[in-house]
Amino acid sequence: MEFALETALNLLGFVVGLVLGIFAYIGFKNTGSPTLFRLNIAFFSISIGFGVVGFGYLIESLVLNYVKIDMWIQTLGIGIQTIGYFFIAFSHGIKSFFPKSRYFKSIAMPLFIIPGNSIEHIIRSISFILLVYGTIETIMSYMENKKTSTIFVAAGLGLLALGEFLGWYSIVFPKSVLYFISISTKIAGLGALFIPISQVPLRGVRFGGNI
């Protein structure tokens, strides 16, 4: 039951990310916006990341008849998603790789308190940092332009960050329901992003104030 739910949630994330990527691509073709091009890469990366985990679990379980699923599949999928989060965060037009903002310095701390040497811990920490930074930048953008669509972007990025945070704790407590809550929260975040992104092909929309 847990395997079926985990696989279904990852496949749902794959579909939602794919739809967002398609809308971002259509918006890029219509507007030529470099930000939309980065978002196109971001959402397709997130979709592929979910797909690697979902389809990987299906293949190993149904085709290869593995009793225990290899954890490297999940690590690979999360790593690909992190590439997407990188492009989302840097869709705000950051001028340098490590901004001097005090907010970024404060959220970077979890990267240095990772228990053990787990690659997945490191990847999730990087994802969390990028998403929280994107959330903060989007909130600051909303304070300037007061656009309703910006609220959905901030909510979406915030939910993605919360999902990664819960995913980090699901590694610490592997037998809890945190992993399923983590994936569900990330899918909800993508759903919130769908609202402003779906309007891009129709009339254009400001994502974080840079489109």
N, C-alpha and C. Protein backbone atom coordinates (compact mmCIF):
# COMPACT_ATOMS: atom_id res chain seq x y z
N MET A 1 0.83 -1.21 0.00
CA MET A 1 0.00 0.00 0.00
C MET A 1 0.87 1.26 0.00
N GLU A 2 1.91 1.26 0.86
CA GLU A 2 2.79 2.42 0.93
C GLU A 2 3.53 2.62 -0.39
N PHE A 3 3.96 1.49 -0.98
CA PHE A 3 4.68 1.57 -2.25
C PHE A 3 3.78 2.15 -3.33
N ALA A 4 2.52 1.68 -3.39
CA ALA A 4 1.59 2.16 -4.41
C ALA A 4 1.32 3.65 -4.24
N LEU A 5 1.13 4.09 -2.99
CA LEU A 5 0.87 5.51 -2.73
C LEU A 5 2.08 6.36 -3.09
N GLU A 6 3.26 5.89 -2.71
CA GLU A 6 4.49 6.62 -3.01
C GLU A 6 4.70 6.76 -4.51
N THR A 7 4.47 5.67 -5.23
CA THR A 7 4.63 5.69 -6.69
C THR A 7 3.61 6.61 -7.34
N ALA A 8 2.35 6.52 -6.88
CA ALA A 8 1.28 7.34 -7.45
C ALA A 8 1.55 8.82 -7.24
N LEU A 9 2.02 9.19 -6.05
CA LEU A 9 2.30 10.60 -5.76
C LEU A 9 3.43 11.12 -6.64
N ASN A 10 4.46 10.32 -6.82
CA ASN A 10 5.57 10.75 -7.68
C ASN A 10 5.15 10.87 -9.13
N LEU A 11 4.30 9.97 -9.60
CA LEU A 11 3.81 10.06 -10.97
C LEU A 11 2.89 11.27 -11.14
N LEU A 12 2.12 11.59 -10.09
CA LEU A 12 1.29 12.79 -10.14
C LEU A 12 2.16 14.04 -10.21
N GLY A 13 3.24 14.06 -9.42
CA GLY A 13 4.18 15.17 -9.49
C GLY A 13 4.80 15.29 -10.87
N PHE A 14 5.08 14.15 -11.50
CA PHE A 14 5.62 14.14 -12.86
C PHE A 14 4.65 14.82 -13.83
N VAL A 15 3.36 14.49 -13.73
CA VAL A 15 2.36 15.05 -14.64
C VAL A 15 2.19 16.55 -14.40
N VAL A 16 2.07 16.95 -13.13
CA VAL A 16 1.88 18.37 -12.81
C VAL A 16 3.08 19.19 -13.28
N GLY A 17 4.29 18.71 -13.01
CA GLY A 17 5.48 19.42 -13.46
C GLY A 17 5.56 19.51 -14.97
N LEU A 18 5.15 18.43 -15.65
CA LEU A 18 5.17 18.42 -17.11
C LEU A 18 4.21 19.46 -17.68
N VAL A 19 3.01 19.54 -17.10
CA VAL A 19 2.02 20.52 -17.56
C VAL A 19 2.55 21.94 -17.36
N LEU A 20 3.15 22.20 -16.20
CA LEU A 20 3.73 23.52 -15.94
C LEU A 20 4.84 23.84 -16.94
N GLY A 21 5.66 22.85 -17.25
CA GLY A 21 6.73 23.06 -18.22
C GLY A 21 6.20 23.39 -19.59
N ILE A 22 5.10 22.74 -19.98
CA ILE A 22 4.49 23.00 -21.29
C ILE A 22 3.95 24.42 -21.35
N PHE A 23 3.27 24.85 -20.29
CA PHE A 23 2.73 26.22 -20.26
C PHE A 23 3.87 27.24 -20.29
N ALA A 24 4.94 26.97 -19.53
CA ALA A 24 6.07 27.90 -19.53
C ALA A 24 6.72 27.97 -20.90
N TYR A 25 6.78 26.83 -21.59
CA TYR A 25 7.37 26.81 -22.94
C TYR A 25 6.52 27.60 -23.92
N ILE A 26 5.19 27.42 -23.84
CA ILE A 26 4.29 28.19 -24.71
C ILE A 26 4.44 29.68 -24.44
N GLY A 27 4.53 30.04 -23.14
CA GLY A 27 4.72 31.44 -22.80
C GLY A 27 6.03 31.98 -23.33
N PHE A 28 7.08 31.18 -23.27
CA PHE A 28 8.38 31.60 -23.80
C PHE A 28 8.31 31.80 -25.31
N LYS A 29 7.63 30.90 -26.02
CA LYS A 29 7.50 31.03 -27.47
C LYS A 29 6.72 32.28 -27.85
N ASN A 30 5.75 32.66 -27.02
CA ASN A 30 4.92 33.82 -27.32
C ASN A 30 5.58 35.14 -26.93
N THR A 31 6.39 35.13 -25.87
CA THR A 31 6.95 36.38 -25.36
C THR A 31 8.46 36.50 -25.57
N GLY A 32 9.15 35.38 -25.71
CA GLY A 32 10.60 35.42 -25.83
C GLY A 32 11.29 35.77 -24.53
N SER A 33 10.56 35.66 -23.40
CA SER A 33 11.12 36.04 -22.11
C SER A 33 12.19 35.04 -21.66
N PRO A 34 13.40 35.51 -21.33
CA PRO A 34 14.44 34.60 -20.83
C PRO A 34 14.07 33.98 -19.49
N THR A 35 13.27 34.70 -18.69
CA THR A 35 12.83 34.16 -17.41
C THR A 35 11.92 32.96 -17.62
N LEU A 36 11.02 33.07 -18.60
CA LEU A 36 10.14 31.94 -18.91
C LEU A 36 10.94 30.76 -19.46
N PHE A 37 12.02 31.05 -20.16
CA PHE A 37 12.88 29.97 -20.65
C PHE A 37 13.50 29.22 -19.48
N ARG A 38 13.96 29.97 -18.46
CA ARG A 38 14.52 29.34 -17.27
C ARG A 38 13.46 28.55 -16.52
N LEU A 39 12.25 29.10 -16.45
CA LEU A 39 11.16 28.39 -15.78
C LEU A 39 10.78 27.13 -16.55
N ASN A 40 10.88 27.19 -17.87
CA ASN A 40 10.61 26.02 -18.69
C ASN A 40 11.57 24.88 -18.31
N ILE A 41 12.86 25.22 -18.21
CA ILE A 41 13.85 24.22 -17.80
C ILE A 41 13.57 23.74 -16.37
N ALA A 42 13.18 24.68 -15.51
CA ALA A 42 12.92 24.34 -14.11
C ALA A 42 11.81 23.32 -13.96
N PHE A 43 10.66 23.59 -14.59
CA PHE A 43 9.51 22.70 -14.42
C PHE A 43 9.73 21.36 -15.10
N PHE A 44 10.40 21.35 -16.23
CA PHE A 44 10.70 20.07 -16.87
C PHE A 44 11.68 19.25 -16.01
N SER A 45 12.62 19.93 -15.37
CA SER A 45 13.55 19.23 -14.48
C SER A 45 12.82 18.63 -13.28
N ILE A 46 11.91 19.42 -12.70
CA ILE A 46 11.13 18.91 -11.57
C ILE A 46 10.28 17.73 -12.00
N SER A 47 9.68 17.83 -13.18
CA SER A 47 8.86 16.74 -13.70
C SER A 47 9.70 15.48 -13.91
N ILE A 48 10.87 15.64 -14.51
CA ILE A 48 11.75 14.49 -14.74
C ILE A 48 12.19 13.87 -13.42
N GLY A 49 12.46 14.73 -12.42
CA GLY A 49 12.86 14.23 -11.11
C GLY A 49 11.79 13.34 -10.49
N PHE A 50 10.54 13.83 -10.51
CA PHE A 50 9.43 13.00 -10.02
C PHE A 50 9.30 11.73 -10.84
N GLY A 51 9.45 11.86 -12.16
CA GLY A 51 9.30 10.72 -13.05
C GLY A 51 10.35 9.65 -12.81
N VAL A 52 11.59 10.07 -12.56
CA VAL A 52 12.67 9.12 -12.29
C VAL A 52 12.32 8.25 -11.08
N VAL A 53 11.79 8.89 -10.04
CA VAL A 53 11.43 8.14 -8.83
C VAL A 53 10.23 7.24 -9.09
N GLY A 54 9.16 7.82 -9.67
CA GLY A 54 7.94 7.06 -9.89
C GLY A 54 8.12 5.88 -10.84
N PHE A 55 8.66 6.16 -12.03
CA PHE A 55 8.86 5.10 -13.02
C PHE A 55 9.97 4.14 -12.58
N GLY A 56 10.98 4.67 -11.88
CA GLY A 56 12.04 3.80 -11.38
C GLY A 56 11.52 2.77 -10.40
N TYR A 57 10.65 3.22 -9.50
CA TYR A 57 10.04 2.29 -8.54
C TYR A 57 9.19 1.25 -9.25
N LEU A 58 8.44 1.70 -10.26
CA LEU A 58 7.59 0.76 -11.01
C LEU A 58 8.42 -0.30 -11.72
N ILE A 59 9.48 0.13 -12.38
CA ILE A 59 10.32 -0.81 -13.12
C ILE A 59 10.99 -1.82 -12.19
N GLU A 60 11.54 -1.31 -11.08
CA GLU A 60 12.23 -2.21 -10.16
C GLU A 60 11.27 -3.19 -9.49
N SER A 61 10.05 -2.73 -9.21
CA SER A 61 9.09 -3.59 -8.52
C SER A 61 8.37 -4.55 -9.44
N LEU A 62 7.87 -4.05 -10.58
CA LEU A 62 7.03 -4.86 -11.45
C LEU A 62 7.82 -5.61 -12.51
N VAL A 63 8.91 -5.03 -12.99
CA VAL A 63 9.69 -5.67 -14.07
C VAL A 63 10.85 -6.50 -13.51
N LEU A 64 11.63 -5.88 -12.62
CA LEU A 64 12.80 -6.57 -12.07
C LEU A 64 12.48 -7.39 -10.82
N ASN A 65 11.26 -7.18 -10.28
CA ASN A 65 10.79 -7.94 -9.10
C ASN A 65 11.71 -7.77 -7.90
N TYR A 66 12.21 -6.56 -7.72
CA TYR A 66 13.03 -6.29 -6.54
C TYR A 66 12.13 -6.22 -5.31
N VAL A 67 12.58 -6.81 -4.22
CA VAL A 67 11.82 -6.74 -2.97
C VAL A 67 12.05 -5.39 -2.30
N LYS A 68 13.30 -4.91 -2.33
CA LYS A 68 13.64 -3.63 -1.73
C LYS A 68 14.08 -2.67 -2.82
N ILE A 69 13.47 -1.50 -2.85
CA ILE A 69 13.77 -0.51 -3.88
C ILE A 69 15.10 0.18 -3.59
N ASP A 70 15.93 0.33 -4.61
CA ASP A 70 17.22 1.01 -4.45
C ASP A 70 17.01 2.48 -4.12
N MET A 71 17.69 2.96 -3.08
CA MET A 71 17.54 4.34 -2.65
C MET A 71 18.22 5.31 -3.60
N TRP A 72 19.14 4.82 -4.44
CA TRP A 72 19.82 5.74 -5.36
C TRP A 72 18.84 6.33 -6.36
N ILE A 73 17.74 5.63 -6.62
CA ILE A 73 16.73 6.16 -7.54
C ILE A 73 16.12 7.42 -6.97
N GLN A 74 15.76 7.37 -5.68
CA GLN A 74 15.19 8.55 -5.03
C GLN A 74 16.20 9.68 -4.97
N THR A 75 17.45 9.37 -4.66
CA THR A 75 18.49 10.40 -4.60
C THR A 75 18.69 11.05 -5.96
N LEU A 76 18.69 10.25 -7.02
CA LEU A 76 18.84 10.79 -8.37
C LEU A 76 17.67 11.69 -8.73
N GLY A 77 16.45 11.24 -8.42
CA GLY A 77 15.27 12.05 -8.72
C GLY A 77 15.26 13.37 -7.99
N ILE A 78 15.63 13.34 -6.71
CA ILE A 78 15.68 14.57 -5.92
C ILE A 78 16.76 15.50 -6.45
N GLY A 79 17.88 14.92 -6.88
CA GLY A 79 18.95 15.73 -7.46
C GLY A 79 18.51 16.46 -8.71
N ILE A 80 17.76 15.79 -9.57
CA ILE A 80 17.25 16.42 -10.80
C ILE A 80 16.24 17.51 -10.45
N GLN A 81 15.40 17.27 -9.44
CA GLN A 81 14.47 18.30 -8.99
C GLN A 81 15.21 19.54 -8.50
N THR A 82 16.33 19.32 -7.83
CA THR A 82 17.11 20.44 -7.31
C THR A 82 17.60 21.35 -8.43
N ILE A 83 17.93 20.77 -9.57
CA ILE A 83 18.30 21.58 -10.74
C ILE A 83 17.15 22.50 -11.11
N GLY A 84 15.93 21.97 -11.05
CA GLY A 84 14.75 22.80 -11.33
C GLY A 84 14.59 23.92 -10.32
N TYR A 85 14.81 23.61 -9.04
CA TYR A 85 14.70 24.64 -8.01
C TYR A 85 15.75 25.72 -8.19
N PHE A 86 16.93 25.33 -8.68
CA PHE A 86 17.98 26.30 -8.96
C PHE A 86 17.50 27.32 -9.99
N PHE A 87 16.90 26.83 -11.08
CA PHE A 87 16.44 27.74 -12.13
C PHE A 87 15.25 28.58 -11.66
N ILE A 88 14.41 28.03 -10.77
CA ILE A 88 13.31 28.83 -10.22
C ILE A 88 13.87 29.97 -9.38
N ALA A 89 14.81 29.65 -8.49
CA ALA A 89 15.38 30.67 -7.62
C ALA A 89 16.08 31.76 -8.42
N PHE A 90 16.79 31.37 -9.47
CA PHE A 90 17.55 32.35 -10.24
C PHE A 90 16.74 32.96 -11.37
N SER A 91 15.44 32.67 -11.39
CA SER A 91 14.54 33.40 -12.29
C SER A 91 14.25 34.79 -11.75
N HIS A 92 14.72 35.06 -10.55
CA HIS A 92 14.54 36.38 -9.96
C HIS A 92 15.62 37.35 -10.41
N GLY A 93 16.51 36.90 -11.28
CA GLY A 93 17.53 37.80 -11.82
C GLY A 93 18.62 38.12 -10.83
N ILE A 94 19.06 37.12 -10.08
CA ILE A 94 20.13 37.33 -9.12
C ILE A 94 21.43 37.66 -9.86
N LYS A 95 22.15 38.65 -9.38
CA LYS A 95 23.34 39.13 -10.09
C LYS A 95 24.60 38.35 -9.73
N SER A 96 24.58 37.67 -8.61
CA SER A 96 25.75 36.88 -8.23
C SER A 96 25.30 35.56 -7.63
N PHE A 97 26.19 34.58 -7.65
CA PHE A 97 25.78 33.24 -7.21
C PHE A 97 25.46 33.22 -5.72
N PHE A 98 26.25 33.92 -4.90
CA PHE A 98 25.97 33.99 -3.49
C PHE A 98 25.63 35.44 -3.13
N PRO A 99 24.34 35.79 -3.12
CA PRO A 99 23.94 37.15 -2.80
C PRO A 99 24.32 37.51 -1.37
N LYS A 100 24.51 38.79 -1.14
CA LYS A 100 24.95 39.25 0.16
C LYS A 100 23.79 39.48 1.13
N SER A 101 22.58 39.14 0.69
CA SER A 101 21.42 39.36 1.54
C SER A 101 21.56 38.61 2.87
N ARG A 102 21.19 39.27 3.97
CA ARG A 102 21.26 38.62 5.28
C ARG A 102 20.26 37.49 5.38
N TYR A 103 19.16 37.57 4.57
CA TYR A 103 18.18 36.49 4.57
C TYR A 103 18.81 35.21 4.04
N PHE A 104 19.58 35.33 2.97
CA PHE A 104 20.20 34.15 2.37
C PHE A 104 21.21 33.54 3.33
N LYS A 105 21.96 34.38 4.04
CA LYS A 105 22.94 33.87 4.99
C LYS A 105 22.26 33.10 6.11
N SER A 106 21.10 33.56 6.55
CA SER A 106 20.41 32.90 7.65
C SER A 106 19.85 31.56 7.24
N ILE A 107 19.33 31.44 6.01
CA ILE A 107 18.74 30.17 5.59
C ILE A 107 19.80 29.20 5.09
N ALA A 108 21.03 29.68 4.89
CA ALA A 108 22.10 28.79 4.45
C ALA A 108 22.64 27.94 5.59
N MET A 109 22.30 28.28 6.83
CA MET A 109 22.83 27.57 7.98
C MET A 109 22.52 26.08 7.98
N PRO A 110 21.28 25.64 7.59
CA PRO A 110 20.99 24.20 7.64
C PRO A 110 21.97 23.36 6.84
N LEU A 111 22.61 23.94 5.83
CA LEU A 111 23.56 23.19 5.01
C LEU A 111 24.75 22.71 5.83
N PHE A 112 25.04 23.42 6.93
CA PHE A 112 26.22 23.10 7.71
C PHE A 112 25.90 22.31 8.98
N ILE A 113 24.63 21.93 9.15
CA ILE A 113 24.26 21.12 10.31
C ILE A 113 23.60 19.83 9.85
N ILE A 114 24.11 19.29 8.73
CA ILE A 114 23.57 18.06 8.17
C ILE A 114 24.10 16.87 8.96
N PRO A 115 23.22 15.99 9.47
CA PRO A 115 23.70 14.82 10.19
C PRO A 115 24.29 13.79 9.24
N GLY A 116 25.52 13.36 9.53
CA GLY A 116 26.13 12.34 8.68
C GLY A 116 26.63 12.92 7.37
N ASN A 117 26.89 12.02 6.42
CA ASN A 117 27.43 12.41 5.12
C ASN A 117 26.50 12.02 3.99
N SER A 118 25.21 11.96 4.26
CA SER A 118 24.24 11.53 3.27
C SER A 118 24.16 12.52 2.12
N ILE A 119 24.29 12.01 0.90
CA ILE A 119 24.15 12.86 -0.29
C ILE A 119 22.74 13.42 -0.36
N GLU A 120 21.76 12.60 0.00
CA GLU A 120 20.37 13.07 -0.06
C GLU A 120 20.13 14.21 0.92
N HIS A 121 20.74 14.16 2.10
CA HIS A 121 20.64 15.26 3.05
C HIS A 121 21.16 16.55 2.42
N ILE A 122 22.31 16.46 1.78
CA ILE A 122 22.93 17.64 1.17
C ILE A 122 22.05 18.20 0.06
N ILE A 123 21.54 17.31 -0.80
CA ILE A 123 20.71 17.75 -1.92
C ILE A 123 19.45 18.43 -1.41
N ARG A 124 18.79 17.82 -0.41
CA ARG A 124 17.57 18.42 0.13
C ARG A 124 17.85 19.76 0.80
N SER A 125 19.00 19.89 1.45
CA SER A 125 19.36 21.16 2.09
C SER A 125 19.54 22.25 1.05
N ILE A 126 20.21 21.91 -0.06
CA ILE A 126 20.40 22.88 -1.14
C ILE A 126 19.05 23.28 -1.73
N SER A 127 18.17 22.30 -1.94
CA SER A 127 16.84 22.59 -2.47
C SER A 127 16.09 23.53 -1.55
N PHE A 128 16.15 23.25 -0.25
CA PHE A 128 15.45 24.08 0.74
C PHE A 128 15.96 25.51 0.70
N ILE A 129 17.28 25.68 0.65
CA ILE A 129 17.87 27.02 0.61
C ILE A 129 17.39 27.79 -0.63
N LEU A 130 17.44 27.14 -1.79
CA LEU A 130 17.03 27.80 -3.03
C LEU A 130 15.56 28.20 -2.99
N LEU A 131 14.72 27.30 -2.47
CA LEU A 131 13.28 27.57 -2.46
C LEU A 131 12.91 28.65 -1.45
N VAL A 132 13.54 28.64 -0.29
CA VAL A 132 13.26 29.69 0.69
C VAL A 132 13.73 31.04 0.17
N TYR A 133 14.88 31.05 -0.48
CA TYR A 133 15.36 32.30 -1.08
C TYR A 133 14.37 32.81 -2.12
N GLY A 134 13.90 31.91 -2.99
CA GLY A 134 12.91 32.30 -3.99
C GLY A 134 11.63 32.81 -3.36
N THR A 135 11.21 32.18 -2.26
CA THR A 135 10.00 32.62 -1.56
C THR A 135 10.17 34.03 -1.01
N ILE A 136 11.30 34.28 -0.36
CA ILE A 136 11.56 35.60 0.21
C ILE A 136 11.59 36.67 -0.88
N GLU A 137 12.28 36.38 -1.99
CA GLU A 137 12.36 37.34 -3.08
C GLU A 137 10.97 37.62 -3.67
N THR A 138 10.14 36.58 -3.76
CA THR A 138 8.80 36.76 -4.33
C THR A 138 7.93 37.59 -3.40
N ILE A 139 8.04 37.36 -2.10
CA ILE A 139 7.27 38.15 -1.13
C ILE A 139 7.69 39.62 -1.21
N MET A 140 8.99 39.86 -1.32
CA MET A 140 9.47 41.24 -1.45
C MET A 140 8.97 41.86 -2.74
N SER A 141 8.88 41.05 -3.80
CA SER A 141 8.34 41.54 -5.07
C SER A 141 6.87 41.91 -4.92
N TYR A 142 6.12 41.09 -4.17
CA TYR A 142 4.69 41.38 -3.96
C TYR A 142 4.51 42.70 -3.21
N MET A 143 5.38 42.97 -2.27
CA MET A 143 5.29 44.21 -1.50
C MET A 143 5.49 45.42 -2.40
N GLU A 144 6.16 45.22 -3.54
CA GLU A 144 6.39 46.32 -4.47
C GLU A 144 5.28 46.47 -5.49
N ASN A 145 4.81 45.32 -6.06
CA ASN A 145 3.84 45.44 -7.16
C ASN A 145 2.40 45.11 -6.77
N LYS A 146 2.20 44.43 -5.61
CA LYS A 146 0.85 44.10 -5.10
C LYS A 146 0.02 43.31 -6.12
N LYS A 147 0.67 42.49 -6.92
CA LYS A 147 -0.06 41.68 -7.90
C LYS A 147 -0.53 40.37 -7.25
N THR A 148 -1.79 40.00 -7.52
CA THR A 148 -2.35 38.79 -6.92
C THR A 148 -1.59 37.55 -7.35
N SER A 149 -1.16 37.51 -8.61
CA SER A 149 -0.46 36.33 -9.11
C SER A 149 0.82 36.07 -8.32
N THR A 150 1.44 37.13 -7.80
CA THR A 150 2.68 36.97 -7.05
C THR A 150 2.44 36.23 -5.75
N ILE A 151 1.22 36.37 -5.17
CA ILE A 151 0.89 35.65 -3.94
C ILE A 151 0.91 34.15 -4.19
N PHE A 152 0.33 33.73 -5.34
CA PHE A 152 0.31 32.30 -5.66
C PHE A 152 1.73 31.77 -5.88
N VAL A 153 2.58 32.60 -6.49
CA VAL A 153 3.97 32.18 -6.70
C VAL A 153 4.67 31.99 -5.36
N ALA A 154 4.49 32.96 -4.45
CA ALA A 154 5.11 32.86 -3.13
C ALA A 154 4.58 31.64 -2.37
N ALA A 155 3.26 31.42 -2.46
CA ALA A 155 2.66 30.26 -1.78
C ALA A 155 3.21 28.96 -2.36
N GLY A 156 3.32 28.91 -3.69
CA GLY A 156 3.84 27.71 -4.34
C GLY A 156 5.26 27.40 -3.94
N LEU A 157 6.12 28.42 -3.97
CA LEU A 157 7.52 28.22 -3.58
C LEU A 157 7.64 27.87 -2.11
N GLY A 158 6.78 28.51 -1.28
CA GLY A 158 6.79 28.21 0.15
C GLY A 158 6.40 26.77 0.43
N LEU A 159 5.40 26.27 -0.28
CA LEU A 159 4.97 24.88 -0.11
C LEU A 159 6.05 23.91 -0.59
N LEU A 160 6.71 24.26 -1.69
CA LEU A 160 7.82 23.42 -2.17
C LEU A 160 8.94 23.37 -1.13
N ALA A 161 9.24 24.52 -0.52
CA ALA A 161 10.27 24.56 0.52
C ALA A 161 9.86 23.73 1.73
N LEU A 162 8.58 23.84 2.13
CA LEU A 162 8.09 23.05 3.25
C LEU A 162 8.16 21.56 2.93
N GLY A 163 7.83 21.22 1.69
CA GLY A 163 7.90 19.82 1.27
C GLY A 163 9.32 19.27 1.37
N GLU A 164 10.30 20.07 0.96
CA GLU A 164 11.69 19.63 1.06
C GLU A 164 12.13 19.52 2.52
N PHE A 165 11.64 20.44 3.36
CA PHE A 165 11.97 20.39 4.79
C PHE A 165 11.41 19.12 5.42
N LEU A 166 10.15 18.79 5.09
CA LEU A 166 9.55 17.56 5.61
C LEU A 166 10.25 16.33 5.04
N GLY A 167 10.68 16.43 3.77
CA GLY A 167 11.42 15.33 3.17
C GLY A 167 12.74 15.09 3.88
N TRP A 168 13.37 16.17 4.33
CA TRP A 168 14.61 16.05 5.09
C TRP A 168 14.37 15.29 6.38
N TYR A 169 13.27 15.61 7.08
CA TYR A 169 12.95 14.91 8.32
C TYR A 169 12.49 13.49 8.08
N SER A 170 11.94 13.21 6.89
CA SER A 170 11.51 11.84 6.59
C SER A 170 12.71 10.90 6.50
N ILE A 171 13.90 11.46 6.22
CA ILE A 171 15.12 10.65 6.21
C ILE A 171 15.53 10.32 7.65
N VAL A 172 15.34 11.30 8.54
CA VAL A 172 15.68 11.11 9.95
C VAL A 172 14.72 10.12 10.61
N PHE A 173 13.42 10.20 10.21
CA PHE A 173 12.40 9.29 10.73
C PHE A 173 11.81 8.50 9.57
N PRO A 174 12.52 7.49 9.08
CA PRO A 174 12.15 6.79 7.84
C PRO A 174 10.82 6.05 7.88
N LYS A 175 10.32 5.66 9.04
CA LYS A 175 9.10 4.87 9.12
C LYS A 175 7.86 5.71 9.39
N SER A 176 8.01 7.02 9.34
CA SER A 176 6.87 7.92 9.57
C SER A 176 6.18 8.23 8.26
N VAL A 177 5.08 9.00 8.36
CA VAL A 177 4.31 9.38 7.17
C VAL A 177 4.84 10.68 6.57
N LEU A 178 5.95 11.17 7.08
CA LEU A 178 6.46 12.47 6.63
C LEU A 178 6.79 12.48 5.15
N TYR A 179 7.27 11.35 4.62
CA TYR A 179 7.64 11.33 3.20
C TYR A 179 6.42 11.56 2.32
N PHE A 180 5.31 10.91 2.65
CA PHE A 180 4.09 11.08 1.86
C PHE A 180 3.55 12.50 1.98
N ILE A 181 3.63 13.05 3.20
CA ILE A 181 3.21 14.44 3.39
C ILE A 181 4.12 15.37 2.61
N SER A 182 5.41 15.04 2.57
CA SER A 182 6.38 15.86 1.83
C SER A 182 6.03 15.93 0.35
N ILE A 183 5.80 14.77 -0.27
CA ILE A 183 5.47 14.75 -1.70
C ILE A 183 4.16 15.47 -1.96
N SER A 184 3.15 15.23 -1.10
CA SER A 184 1.85 15.88 -1.27
C SER A 184 1.97 17.39 -1.17
N THR A 185 2.80 17.87 -0.24
CA THR A 185 3.00 19.31 -0.07
C THR A 185 3.68 19.91 -1.30
N LYS A 186 4.66 19.20 -1.86
CA LYS A 186 5.35 19.69 -3.06
C LYS A 186 4.40 19.74 -4.26
N ILE A 187 3.53 18.74 -4.37
CA ILE A 187 2.56 18.75 -5.46
C ILE A 187 1.58 19.91 -5.29
N ALA A 188 1.18 20.18 -4.04
CA ALA A 188 0.31 21.33 -3.77
C ALA A 188 1.02 22.63 -4.15
N GLY A 189 2.33 22.69 -3.90
CA GLY A 189 3.10 23.87 -4.29
C GLY A 189 3.13 24.06 -5.80
N LEU A 190 3.30 22.97 -6.53
CA LEU A 190 3.27 23.04 -7.99
C LEU A 190 1.88 23.47 -8.47
N GLY A 191 0.84 22.99 -7.76
CA GLY A 191 -0.52 23.38 -8.11
C GLY A 191 -0.75 24.87 -7.94
N ALA A 192 -0.17 25.44 -6.86
CA ALA A 192 -0.29 26.88 -6.65
C ALA A 192 0.43 27.65 -7.74
N LEU A 193 1.57 27.14 -8.19
CA LEU A 193 2.31 27.80 -9.27
C LEU A 193 1.57 27.70 -10.60
N PHE A 194 0.73 26.68 -10.74
CA PHE A 194 0.00 26.49 -11.99
C PHE A 194 -0.94 27.66 -12.28
N ILE A 195 -1.49 28.26 -11.23
CA ILE A 195 -2.47 29.35 -11.41
C ILE A 195 -1.85 30.52 -12.17
N PRO A 196 -0.71 31.10 -11.73
CA PRO A 196 -0.13 32.20 -12.52
C PRO A 196 0.53 31.74 -13.82
N ILE A 197 1.16 30.56 -13.80
CA ILE A 197 1.85 30.09 -15.00
C ILE A 197 0.87 29.79 -16.12
N SER A 198 -0.32 29.30 -15.78
CA SER A 198 -1.32 28.96 -16.81
C SER A 198 -1.82 30.19 -17.54
N GLN A 199 -1.62 31.38 -16.96
CA GLN A 199 -2.06 32.62 -17.58
C GLN A 199 -1.01 33.20 -18.53
N VAL A 200 0.20 32.66 -18.49
CA VAL A 200 1.29 33.20 -19.31
C VAL A 200 0.98 33.18 -20.80
N PRO A 201 0.53 32.04 -21.37
CA PRO A 201 0.26 32.03 -22.82
C PRO A 201 -0.85 32.98 -23.24
N LEU A 202 -1.70 33.38 -22.26
CA LEU A 202 -2.84 34.22 -22.60
C LEU A 202 -2.52 35.71 -22.55
N ARG A 203 -1.86 36.12 -21.47
CA ARG A 203 -1.64 37.57 -21.34
C ARG A 203 -0.30 37.92 -20.70
N GLY A 204 0.51 36.92 -20.38
CA GLY A 204 1.78 37.19 -19.73
C GLY A 204 1.59 37.40 -18.25
N VAL A 205 2.58 37.09 -17.46
CA VAL A 205 2.48 37.24 -16.01
C VAL A 205 3.87 37.46 -15.45
N ARG A 206 3.95 38.24 -14.38
CA ARG A 206 5.23 38.53 -13.76
C ARG A 206 5.53 37.45 -12.72
N PHE A 207 6.57 36.69 -12.93
CA PHE A 207 7.01 35.68 -11.98
C PHE A 207 8.14 36.27 -11.17
N GLY A 208 7.84 36.60 -9.91
CA GLY A 208 8.87 37.20 -9.07
C GLY A 208 9.30 38.57 -9.54
N GLY A 209 8.50 39.19 -10.39
CA GLY A 209 8.80 40.55 -10.80
C GLY A 209 9.83 40.67 -11.88
N ASN A 210 10.08 39.57 -12.66
CA ASN A 210 11.15 39.64 -13.65
C ASN A 210 10.76 39.17 -15.02
N ILE A 211 9.50 39.00 -15.33
CA ILE A 211 9.08 38.64 -16.68
C ILE A 211 8.64 39.89 -17.41
